[in-house]
PDB file of N, CA and C in Angstrom:
ATOM      1  N   MET A   1      12.723   3.016   6.444  1.00  0.00           N
ATOM      2  CA  MET A   1      12.107   2.534   4.988  1.00  0.00           C
ATOM      3  C   MET A   1      10.415   2.844   5.480  1.00  0.00           C
ATOM      4  N   ASN A   2       9.863   3.214   4.138  1.00  0.00           N
ATOM      5  CA  ASN A   2       8.294   3.282   4.666  1.00  0.00           C
ATOM      6  C   ASN A   2       7.564   2.498   3.531  1.00  0.00           C
ATOM      7  N   THR A   3       8.380   1.629   2.791  1.00  0.00           N
ATOM      8  CA  THR A   3       7.547   0.935   1.570  1.00  0.00           C
ATOM      9  C   THR A   3       7.898  -0.559   1.735  1.00  0.00           C
ATOM     10  N   PHE A   4       6.879  -1.356   1.766  1.00  0.00           N
ATOM     11  CA  PHE A   4       7.083  -2.602   2.115  1.00  0.00           C
ATOM     12  C   PHE A   4       6.362  -3.816   1.181  1.00  0.00           C
ATOM     13  N   ILE A   5       7.103  -4.806   0.745  1.00  0.00           N
ATOM     14  CA  ILE A   5       6.150  -5.742  -0.315  1.00  0.00           C
ATOM     15  C   ILE A   5       6.166  -7.011   0.483  1.00  0.00           C
ATOM     16  N   ILE A   6       5.222  -7.462   0.539  1.00  0.00           N
ATOM     17  CA  ILE A   6       4.917  -8.348   1.457  1.00  0.00           C
ATOM     18  C   ILE A   6       3.949  -9.437   0.373  1.00  0.00           C
ATOM     19  N   SER A   7       4.685 -10.547   0.063  1.00  0.00           N
ATOM     20  CA  SER A   7       4.723 -11.599  -1.035  1.00  0.00           C
ATOM     21  C   SER A   7       4.261 -13.126  -0.360  1.00  0.00           C
ATOM     22  N   SER A   8       3.292 -13.651  -0.114  1.00  0.00           N
ATOM     23  CA  SER A   8       3.060 -14.933   0.015  1.00  0.00           C
ATOM     24  C   SER A   8       1.699 -15.518  -0.130  1.00  0.00           C
ATOM     25  N   LYS A   9       1.721 -16.887  -0.265  1.00  0.00           N
ATOM     26  CA  LYS A   9       0.737 -17.589  -1.139  1.00  0.00           C
ATOM     27  C   LYS A   9      -0.399 -17.515   0.175  1.00  0.00           C
ATOM     28  N   ASP A  10      -0.270 -17.357   1.323  1.00  0.00           N
ATOM     29  CA  ASP A  10      -1.501 -17.235   2.148  1.00  0.00           C
ATOM     30  C   ASP A  10      -1.596 -15.788   2.381  1.00  0.00           C
ATOM     31  N   LEU A  11      -2.556 -14.939   1.610  1.00  0.00           N
ATOM     32  CA  LEU A  11      -2.783 -13.952   1.749  1.00  0.00           C
ATOM     33  C   LEU A  11      -3.519 -13.323   2.841  1.00  0.00           C
ATOM     34  N   GLY A  12      -4.231 -13.868   3.472  1.00  0.00           N
ATOM     35  CA  GLY A  12      -4.576 -13.330   5.127  1.00  0.00           C
ATOM     36  C   GLY A  12      -3.486 -13.097   6.232  1.00  0.00           C
ATOM     37  N   GLY A  13      -2.553 -14.094   5.847  1.00  0.00           N
ATOM     38  CA  GLY A  13      -1.530 -13.818   6.757  1.00  0.00           C
ATOM     39  C   GLY A  13      -0.505 -12.560   6.440  1.00  0.00           C
ATOM     40  N   ALA A  14      -0.562 -12.655   5.091  1.00  0.00           N
ATOM     41  CA  ALA A  14       0.029 -11.321   4.627  1.00  0.00           C
ATOM     42  C   ALA A  14      -0.541  -9.838   4.844  1.00  0.00           C
ATOM     43  N   LEU A  15      -1.625 -10.152   4.779  1.00  0.00           N
ATOM     44  CA  LEU A  15      -2.423  -8.921   5.740  1.00  0.00           C
ATOM     45  C   LEU A  15      -2.326  -8.673   7.074  1.00  0.00           C
ATOM     46  N   GLU A  16      -2.304  -9.769   7.705  1.00  0.00           N
ATOM     47  CA  GLU A  16      -1.976  -9.684   9.317  1.00  0.00           C
ATOM     48  C   GLU A  16      -0.418  -9.267   9.459  1.00  0.00           C
ATOM     49  N   GLU A  17       0.693  -9.783   8.587  1.00  0.00           N
ATOM     50  CA  GLU A  17       1.936  -8.794   8.940  1.00  0.00           C
ATOM     51  C   GLU A  17       1.962  -7.916   8.656  1.00  0.00           C
ATOM     52  N   ALA A  18       0.522  -7.099   7.641  1.00  0.00           N
ATOM     53  CA  ALA A  18       1.244  -5.681   7.627  1.00  0.00           C
ATOM     54  C   ALA A  18       0.160  -5.002   8.872  1.00  0.00           C
ATOM     55  N   ASN A  19      -0.848  -5.208   8.745  1.00  0.00           N
ATOM     56  CA  ASN A  19      -1.391  -4.878  10.135  1.00  0.00           C
ATOM     57  C   ASN A  19      -0.489  -4.775  11.415  1.00  0.00           C
ATOM     58  N   LYS A  20       0.276  -6.157  11.451  1.00  0.00           N
ATOM     59  CA  LYS A  20       1.013  -5.966  12.802  1.00  0.00           C
ATOM     60  C   LYS A  20       2.291  -4.878  12.696  1.00  0.00           C
ATOM     61  N   ILE A  21       2.756  -4.899  11.402  1.00  0.00           N
ATOM     62  CA  ILE A  21       3.864  -3.701  11.424  1.00  0.00           C
ATOM     63  C   ILE A  21       2.692  -1.867  11.649  1.00  0.00           C
ATOM     64  N   CYS A  22       1.697  -2.061  11.303  1.00  0.00           N
ATOM     65  CA  CYS A  22       1.141  -0.870  11.539  1.00  0.00           C
ATOM     66  C   CYS A  22       0.892  -0.795  12.946  1.00  0.00           C
ATOM     67  N   LYS A  23       0.692  -1.563  13.656  1.00  0.00           N
ATOM     68  CA  LYS A  23       0.380  -1.536  15.335  1.00  0.00           C
ATOM     69  C   LYS A  23       1.847  -1.189  15.726  1.00  0.00           C
ATOM     70  N   GLU A  24       2.951  -1.650  15.176  1.00  0.00           N
ATOM     71  CA  GLU A  24       4.214  -1.480  15.537  1.00  0.00           C
ATOM     72  C   GLU A  24       4.369  -0.012  15.630  1.00  0.00           C
ATOM     73  N   ASN A  25       3.919   0.705  14.700  1.00  0.00           N
ATOM     74  CA  ASN A  25       4.278   2.011  14.452  1.00  0.00           C
ATOM     75  C   ASN A  25       3.382   2.732  14.866  1.00  0.00           C
ATOM     76  N   LYS A  26       2.430   2.124  15.936  1.00  0.00           N
ATOM     77  CA  LYS A  26       1.302   3.332  16.342  1.00  0.00           C
ATOM     78  C   LYS A  26       0.394   3.867  15.410  1.00  0.00           C
ATOM     79  N   ILE A  27       0.102   3.110  14.453  1.00  0.00           N
ATOM     80  CA  ILE A  27      -0.990   3.593  13.437  1.00  0.00           C
ATOM     81  C   ILE A  27      -2.321   3.692  13.908  1.00  0.00           C
ATOM     82  N   ASP A  28      -3.232   4.406  13.917  1.00  0.00           N
ATOM     83  CA  ASP A  28      -4.479   4.408  14.331  1.00  0.00           C
ATOM     84  C   ASP A  28      -5.353   3.758  13.430  1.00  0.00           C
ATOM     85  N   ILE A  29      -6.397   2.964  13.444  1.00  0.00           N
ATOM     86  CA  ILE A  29      -6.852   1.947  12.839  1.00  0.00           C
ATOM     87  C   ILE A  29      -7.530   2.898  11.661  1.00  0.00           C
ATOM     88  N   PHE A  30      -7.960   3.909  11.906  1.00  0.00           N
ATOM     89  CA  PHE A  30      -8.823   4.652  11.171  1.00  0.00           C
ATOM     90  C   PHE A  30      -7.941   5.688  10.396  1.00  0.00           C
ATOM     91  N   SER A  31      -6.793   5.120  10.250  1.00  0.00           N
ATOM     92  CA  SER A  31      -5.555   5.824   9.438  1.00  0.00           C
ATOM     93  C   SER A  31      -5.204   5.134   8.757  1.00  0.00           C
ATOM     94  N   ILE A  32      -5.512   3.864   8.517  1.00  0.00           N
ATOM     95  CA  ILE A  32      -5.124   2.694   7.661  1.00  0.00           C
ATOM     96  C   ILE A  32      -6.034   2.575   6.333  1.00  0.00           C
ATOM     97  N   GLU A  33      -5.673   2.477   4.989  1.00  0.00           N
ATOM     98  CA  GLU A  33      -6.525   2.497   4.106  1.00  0.00           C
ATOM     99  C   GLU A  33      -6.075   1.305   3.198  1.00  0.00           C
ATOM    100  N   VAL A  34      -7.227   0.493   2.969  1.00  0.00           N
ATOM    101  CA  VAL A  34      -6.809  -0.888   2.464  1.00  0.00           C
ATOM    102  C   VAL A  34      -7.456  -1.037   0.954  1.00  0.00           C
ATOM    103  N   LEU A  35      -6.800  -1.062  -0.108  1.00  0.00           N
ATOM    104  CA  LEU A  35      -7.312  -0.614  -1.446  1.00  0.00           C
ATOM    105  C   LEU A  35      -7.040  -2.432  -2.220  1.00  0.00           C
ATOM    106  N   GLU A  36      -8.425  -2.621  -2.555  1.00  0.00           N
ATOM    107  CA  GLU A  36      -8.586  -3.905  -3.308  1.00  0.00           C
ATOM    108  C   GLU A  36      -8.834  -3.617  -4.630  1.00  0.00           C
ATOM    109  N   PHE A  37      -8.339  -4.442  -5.497  1.00  0.00           N
ATOM    110  CA  PHE A  37      -8.741  -4.095  -6.989  1.00  0.00           C
ATOM    111  C   PHE A  37      -9.150  -5.080  -7.635  1.00  0.00           C
ATOM    112  N   GLU A  38     -10.444  -5.551  -8.207  1.00  0.00           N
ATOM    113  CA  GLU A  38     -11.024  -6.750  -9.202  1.00  0.00           C
ATOM    114  C   GLU A  38     -10.218  -7.093 -10.133  1.00  0.00           C
ATOM    115  N   LYS A  39      -9.438  -6.122 -10.834  1.00  0.00           N
ATOM    116  CA  LYS A  39      -8.323  -6.700 -11.835  1.00  0.00           C
ATOM    117  C   LYS A  39      -7.021  -5.802 -11.655  1.00  0.00           C
ATOM    118  N   ALA A  40      -6.236  -5.885 -12.565  1.00  0.00           N
ATOM    119  CA  ALA A  40      -4.790  -5.627 -12.396  1.00  0.00           C
ATOM    120  C   ALA A  40      -4.967  -4.051 -12.387  1.00  0.00           C
ATOM    121  N   LEU A  41      -4.217  -3.777 -11.277  1.00  0.00           N
ATOM    122  CA  LEU A  41      -3.846  -2.282 -11.293  1.00  0.00           C
ATOM    123  C   LEU A  41      -3.517  -1.661 -12.209  1.00  0.00           C
ATOM    124  N   GLY A  42      -4.232  -0.448 -12.398  1.00  0.00           N
ATOM    125  CA  GLY A  42      -4.032   0.390 -13.831  1.00  0.00           C
ATOM    126  C   GLY A  42      -3.537   1.773 -13.718  1.00  0.00           C
ATOM    127  N   ILE A  43      -3.286   2.027 -14.593  1.00  0.00           N
ATOM    128  CA  ILE A  43      -2.790   3.690 -14.509  1.00  0.00           C
ATOM    129  C   ILE A  43      -3.780   4.421 -14.094  1.00  0.00           C
ATOM    130  N   GLU A  44      -4.744   4.461 -14.108  1.00  0.00           N
ATOM    131  CA  GLU A  44      -5.654   5.480 -13.346  1.00  0.00           C
ATOM    132  C   GLU A  44      -6.149   5.036 -12.016  1.00  0.00           C
ATOM    133  N   ASP A  45      -6.022   4.039 -11.501  1.00  0.00           N
ATOM    134  CA  ASP A  45      -5.878   3.402 -10.090  1.00  0.00           C
ATOM    135  C   ASP A  45      -4.689   3.981  -9.422  1.00  0.00           C
ATOM    136  N   VAL A  46      -3.327   4.131 -10.328  1.00  0.00           N
ATOM    137  CA  VAL A  46      -2.308   4.650  -9.309  1.00  0.00           C
ATOM    138  C   VAL A  46      -2.278   6.438  -9.392  1.00  0.00           C
ATOM    139  N   ARG A  47      -3.072   6.957 -10.689  1.00  0.00           N
ATOM    140  CA  ARG A  47      -3.314   8.381 -10.214  1.00  0.00           C
ATOM    141  C   ARG A  47      -4.138   8.518  -8.845  1.00  0.00           C
ATOM    142  N   ASN A  48      -5.246   7.949  -9.042  1.00  0.00           N
ATOM    143  CA  ASN A  48      -6.303   8.175  -7.866  1.00  0.00           C
ATOM    144  C   ASN A  48      -5.559   7.672  -6.127  1.00  0.00           C
ATOM    145  N   ILE A  49      -4.319   6.747  -6.078  1.00  0.00           N
ATOM    146  CA  ILE A  49      -3.431   6.558  -5.154  1.00  0.00           C
ATOM    147  C   ILE A  49      -2.714   8.105  -4.811  1.00  0.00           C
ATOM    148  N   GLN A  50      -2.361   8.377  -5.561  1.00  0.00           N
ATOM    149  CA  GLN A  50      -1.137   9.447  -5.996  1.00  0.00           C
ATOM    150  C   GLN A  50      -1.961  10.782  -5.264  1.00  0.00           C
ATOM    151  N   LYS A  51      -3.074  10.901  -5.600  1.00  0.00           N
ATOM    152  CA  LYS A  51      -3.812  12.213  -4.929  1.00  0.00           C
ATOM    153  C   LYS A  51      -4.401  12.084  -3.804  1.00  0.00           C
ATOM    154  N   THR A  52      -4.485  10.901  -3.217  1.00  0.00           N
ATOM    155  CA  THR A  52      -5.011  10.798  -1.714  1.00  0.00           C
ATOM    156  C   THR A  52      -3.758  10.508  -0.901  1.00  0.00           C
ATOM    157  N   ILE A  53      -2.731   9.872  -1.115  1.00  0.00           N
ATOM    158  CA  ILE A  53      -1.595   9.436  -0.562  1.00  0.00           C
ATOM    159  C   ILE A  53      -0.808  10.839   0.522  1.00  0.00           C
ATOM    160  N   PHE A  54      -1.071  12.131  -0.038  1.00  0.00           N
ATOM    161  CA  PHE A  54      -0.216  12.978   0.741  1.00  0.00           C
ATOM    162  C   PHE A  54      -1.342  13.783   1.425  1.00  0.00           C
ATOM    163  N   LEU A  55      -2.535  13.210   1.642  1.00  0.00           N
ATOM    164  CA  LEU A  55      -3.601  13.795   2.879  1.00  0.00           C
ATOM    165  C   LEU A  55      -2.894  13.489   3.869  1.00  0.00           C
ATOM    166  N   LYS A  56      -3.412  14.279   5.169  1.00  0.00           N
ATOM    167  CA  LYS A  56      -3.044  14.142   6.173  1.00  0.00           C
ATOM    168  C   LYS A  56      -3.852  12.973   7.190  1.00  0.00           C
ATOM    169  N   PRO A  57      -3.027  12.076   8.019  1.00  0.00           N
ATOM    170  CA  PRO A  57      -3.601  10.988   8.696  1.00  0.00           C
ATOM    171  C   PRO A  57      -5.032  11.194   9.359  1.00  0.00           C
ATOM    172  N   PHE A  58      -6.144  10.449   9.343  1.00  0.00           N
ATOM    173  CA  PHE A  58      -7.245  11.008  10.194  1.00  0.00           C
ATOM    174  C   PHE A  58      -6.906  11.061  11.769  1.00  0.00           C
ATOM    175  N   ARG A  59      -6.297  10.579  12.294  1.00  0.00           N
ATOM    176  CA  ARG A  59      -5.774  10.325  13.762  1.00  0.00           C
ATOM    177  C   ARG A  59      -4.466  10.022  13.602  1.00  0.00           C
ATOM    178  N   GLY A  60      -3.661  10.566  14.803  1.00  0.00           N
ATOM    179  CA  GLY A  60      -2.237  10.452  14.995  1.00  0.00           C
ATOM    180  C   GLY A  60      -1.313  11.010  13.988  1.00  0.00           C
ATOM    181  N   GLU A  61      -0.075  10.746  13.812  1.00  0.00           N
ATOM    182  CA  GLU A  61       0.866  11.613  13.041  1.00  0.00           C
ATOM    183  C   GLU A  61       1.075  10.729  12.008  1.00  0.00           C
ATOM    184  N   LYS A  62       1.098   9.403  11.618  1.00  0.00           N
ATOM    185  CA  LYS A  62       1.111   8.215  10.593  1.00  0.00           C
ATOM    186  C   LYS A  62      -0.094   7.784  10.188  1.00  0.00           C
ATOM    187  N   LYS A  63       0.362   7.214   8.759  1.00  0.00           N
ATOM    188  CA  LYS A  63      -1.129   6.809   8.325  1.00  0.00           C
ATOM    189  C   LYS A  63      -0.550   5.532   7.441  1.00  0.00           C
ATOM    190  N   ALA A  64      -1.236   4.585   6.994  1.00  0.00           N
ATOM    191  CA  ALA A  64      -0.736   3.365   6.032  1.00  0.00           C
ATOM    192  C   ALA A  64      -1.735   3.104   5.067  1.00  0.00           C
ATOM    193  N   LEU A  65      -1.181   2.586   3.670  1.00  0.00           N
ATOM    194  CA  LEU A  65      -1.650   2.652   2.637  1.00  0.00           C
ATOM    195  C   LEU A  65      -1.654   1.026   2.399  1.00  0.00           C
ATOM    196  N   ILE A  66      -2.210  -0.100   2.385  1.00  0.00           N
ATOM    197  CA  ILE A  66      -2.144  -1.397   2.016  1.00  0.00           C
ATOM    198  C   ILE A  66      -3.178  -1.462   0.707  1.00  0.00           C
ATOM    199  N   VAL A  67      -2.203  -2.053  -0.278  1.00  0.00           N
ATOM    200  CA  VAL A  67      -2.801  -1.964  -1.730  1.00  0.00           C
ATOM    201  C   VAL A  67      -2.595  -3.662  -2.007  1.00  0.00           C
ATOM    202  N   LYS A  68      -3.939  -4.392  -2.111  1.00  0.00           N
ATOM    203  CA  LYS A  68      -3.650  -5.678  -2.385  1.00  0.00           C
ATOM    204  C   LYS A  68      -3.513  -5.798  -3.886  1.00  0.00           C
ATOM    205  N   LEU A  69      -2.606  -6.555  -4.551  1.00  0.00           N
ATOM    206  CA  LEU A  69      -2.317  -6.321  -6.080  1.00  0.00           C
ATOM    207  C   LEU A  69      -2.542  -8.132  -6.210  1.00  0.00           C
ATOM    208  N   PHE A  70      -3.586  -8.844  -5.877  1.00  0.00           N
ATOM    209  CA  PHE A  70      -4.109  -9.975  -6.331  1.00  0.00           C
ATOM    210  C   PHE A  70      -3.900 -10.228  -7.655  1.00  0.00           C
ATOM    211  N   ALA A  71      -4.166  -9.300  -8.290  1.00  0.00           N
ATOM    212  CA  ALA A  71      -4.354  -9.649  -9.514  1.00  0.00           C
ATOM    213  C   ALA A  71      -3.213  -8.846 -10.520  1.00  0.00           C
ATOM    214  N   GLY A  72      -2.179  -8.510  -9.831  1.00  0.00           N
ATOM    215  CA  GLY A  72      -0.844  -7.682 -10.492  1.00  0.00           C
ATOM    216  C   GLY A  72      -1.098  -6.295 -10.948  1.00  0.00           C
ATOM    217  N   ALA A  73      -0.413  -6.094 -11.533  1.00  0.00           N
ATOM    218  CA  ALA A  73      -0.308  -4.768 -12.097  1.00  0.00           C
ATOM    219  C   ALA A  73      -0.084  -4.515 -13.602  1.00  0.00           C
ATOM    220  N   THR A  74      -0.194  -3.486 -14.121  1.00  0.00           N
ATOM    221  CA  THR A  74      -0.019  -3.074 -15.670  1.00  0.00           C
ATOM    222  C   THR A  74       1.320  -2.869 -15.809  1.00  0.00           C
ATOM    223  N   ILE A  75       1.924  -2.719 -16.649  1.00  0.00           N
ATOM    224  CA  ILE A  75       3.625  -2.102 -16.704  1.00  0.00           C
ATOM    225  C   ILE A  75       3.409  -0.494 -16.380  1.00  0.00           C
ATOM    226  N   GLU A  76       2.291   0.205 -17.057  1.00  0.00           N
ATOM    227  CA  GLU A  76       2.058   1.620 -17.165  1.00  0.00           C
ATOM    228  C   GLU A  76       1.998   1.939 -15.672  1.00  0.00           C
ATOM    229  N   ALA A  77       1.152   1.005 -14.937  1.00  0.00           N
ATOM    230  CA  ALA A  77       0.854   1.335 -13.646  1.00  0.00           C
ATOM    231  C   ALA A  77       2.501   1.384 -12.491  1.00  0.00           C
ATOM    232  N   GLN A  78       2.983   0.022 -12.644  1.00  0.00           N
ATOM    233  CA  GLN A  78       4.133  -0.251 -11.932  1.00  0.00           C
ATOM    234  C   GLN A  78       5.126   1.110 -12.325  1.00  0.00           C
ATOM    235  N   ASN A  79       5.531   1.302 -13.623  1.00  0.00           N
ATOM    236  CA  ASN A  79       6.060   2.480 -13.673  1.00  0.00           C
ATOM    237  C   ASN A  79       5.699   3.680 -13.096  1.00  0.00           C
ATOM    238  N   SER A  80       4.509   4.180 -13.105  1.00  0.00           N
ATOM    239  CA  SER A  80       3.592   5.058 -12.422  1.00  0.00           C
ATOM    240  C   SER A  80       4.284   5.306 -10.959  1.00  0.00           C
ATOM    241  N   MET A  81       3.919   3.989 -10.192  1.00  0.00           N
ATOM    242  CA  MET A  81       4.025   3.898  -9.137  1.00  0.00           C
ATOM    243  C   MET A  81       5.721   3.611  -8.467  1.00  0.00           C
ATOM    244  N   LEU A  82       6.516   3.530  -9.397  1.00  0.00           N
ATOM    245  CA  LEU A  82       8.208   3.610  -8.860  1.00  0.00           C
ATOM    246  C   LEU A  82       8.385   4.709  -7.929  1.00  0.00           C
ATOM    247  N   LYS A  83       8.317   6.168  -8.520  1.00  0.00           N
ATOM    248  CA  LYS A  83       8.832   7.152  -8.027  1.00  0.00           C
ATOM    249  C   LYS A  83       7.965   7.408  -6.513  1.00  0.00           C
ATOM    250  N   LEU A  84       6.351   6.858  -6.397  1.00  0.00           N
ATOM    251  CA  LEU A  84       5.977   7.041  -5.265  1.00  0.00           C
ATOM    252  C   LEU A  84       6.482   6.156  -4.244  1.00  0.00           C
ATOM    253  N   LEU A  85       6.983   4.912  -4.723  1.00  0.00           N
ATOM    254  CA  LEU A  85       7.418   3.735  -3.773  1.00  0.00           C
ATOM    255  C   LEU A  85       8.580   4.149  -3.701  1.00  0.00           C
ATOM    256  N   GLU A  86       9.470   4.863  -3.935  1.00  0.00           N
ATOM    257  CA  GLU A  86      10.914   5.301  -3.746  1.00  0.00           C
ATOM    258  C   GLU A  86      10.698   6.204  -2.802  1.00  0.00           C
ATOM    259  N   GLU A  87      10.376   7.209  -2.597  1.00  0.00           N
ATOM    260  CA  GLU A  87      10.238   8.492  -1.961  1.00  0.00           C
ATOM    261  C   GLU A  87       8.715   8.442  -1.652  1.00  0.00           C
ATOM    262  N   PRO A  88       7.953   7.696  -0.467  1.00  0.00           N
ATOM    263  CA  PRO A  88       6.626   7.769  -0.311  1.00  0.00           C
ATOM    264  C   PRO A  88       6.733   9.080   0.779  1.00  0.00           C
ATOM    265  N   PRO A  89       5.546   9.436   1.114  1.00  0.00           N
ATOM    266  CA  PRO A  89       5.476  11.192   2.259  1.00  0.00           C
ATOM    267  C   PRO A  89       5.776  10.237   3.326  1.00  0.00           C
ATOM    268  N   PHE A  90       6.947  11.156   4.077  1.00  0.00           N
ATOM    269  CA  PHE A  90       7.452  10.740   5.140  1.00  0.00           C
ATOM    270  C   PHE A  90       6.740  10.245   6.390  1.00  0.00           C
ATOM    271  N   ASN A  91       5.465  10.453   6.492  1.00  0.00           N
ATOM    272  CA  ASN A  91       4.214  10.123   7.624  1.00  0.00           C
ATOM    273  C   ASN A  91       3.574   8.678   6.895  1.00  0.00           C
ATOM    274  N   THR A  92       3.641   7.901   5.990  1.00  0.00           N
ATOM    275  CA  THR A  92       2.996   7.092   5.511  1.00  0.00           C
ATOM    276  C   THR A  92       3.547   5.614   5.055  1.00  0.00           C
ATOM    277  N   LEU A  93       3.539   4.660   5.419  1.00  0.00           N
ATOM    278  CA  LEU A  93       3.946   3.643   5.297  1.00  0.00           C
ATOM    279  C   LEU A  93       3.058   2.887   4.180  1.00  0.00           C
ATOM    280  N   ILE A  94       3.659   2.603   3.274  1.00  0.00           N
ATOM    281  CA  ILE A  94       2.783   1.571   1.918  1.00  0.00           C
ATOM    282  C   ILE A  94       3.217   0.200   1.903  1.00  0.00           C
ATOM    283  N   PHE A  95       2.213  -0.657   1.983  1.00  0.00           N
ATOM    284  CA  PHE A  95       2.380  -2.287   1.739  1.00  0.00           C
ATOM    285  C   PHE A  95       1.833  -2.677   0.411  1.00  0.00           C
ATOM    286  N   LEU A  96       2.592  -3.336  -0.429  1.00  0.00           N
ATOM    287  CA  LEU A  96       2.037  -3.895  -1.556  1.00  0.00           C
ATOM    288  C   LEU A  96       1.906  -5.155  -1.186  1.00  0.00           C
ATOM    289  N   VAL A  97       0.695  -6.026  -1.080  1.00  0.00           N
ATOM    290  CA  VAL A  97       0.504  -7.383  -0.685  1.00  0.00           C
ATOM    291  C   VAL A  97       0.374  -8.246  -1.936  1.00  0.00           C
ATOM    292  N   THR A  98       1.030  -9.240  -2.273  1.00  0.00           N
ATOM    293  CA  THR A  98       0.642  -9.866  -3.550  1.00  0.00           C
ATOM    294  C   THR A  98       1.117 -11.325  -3.316  1.00  0.00           C
ATOM    295  N   SER A  99       0.516 -12.319  -4.179  1.00  0.00           N
ATOM    296  CA  SER A  99       0.745 -13.563  -4.195  1.00  0.00           C
ATOM    297  C   SER A  99       2.052 -14.184  -4.874  1.00  0.00           C
ATOM    298  N   ASN A 100       2.414 -13.107  -5.595  1.00  0.00           N
ATOM    299  CA  ASN A 100       3.266 -13.389  -6.592  1.00  0.00           C
ATOM    300  C   ASN A 100       4.535 -11.933  -6.778  1.00  0.00           C
ATOM    301  N   ALA A 101       5.597 -12.140  -6.007  1.00  0.00           N
ATOM    302  CA  ALA A 101       6.672 -11.318  -5.908  1.00  0.00           C
ATOM    303  C   ALA A 101       7.163 -10.661  -7.331  1.00  0.00           C
ATOM    304  N   GLN A 102       7.259 -11.539  -8.580  1.00  0.00           N
ATOM    305  CA  GLN A 102       7.331 -11.122  -9.545  1.00  0.00           C
ATOM    306  C   GLN A 102       6.595  -9.679 -10.022  1.00  0.00           C
TER     307      GLN A 102
END
């Protein structure tokens, strides 16, 4: 499994959990990308993620993408992310960190 949704009212704790999983999978700190959006994740943001997610890790064999979804995501962005979340690149762990599982 390469895609995780971490939902918690303690967002700091949720990020710690994502970093713990990265460490367990021996992902180098330089191969972890954290994305945070001031407003809801939009379709253009998802397109940018799709362009970069297939790049090689900076160091090591695996990489991680942690997306902080504190403001949620638009319906269009959710639909666009669906394919990527169902079939992520084999060497990439994707984390969606949110305070609301809905």
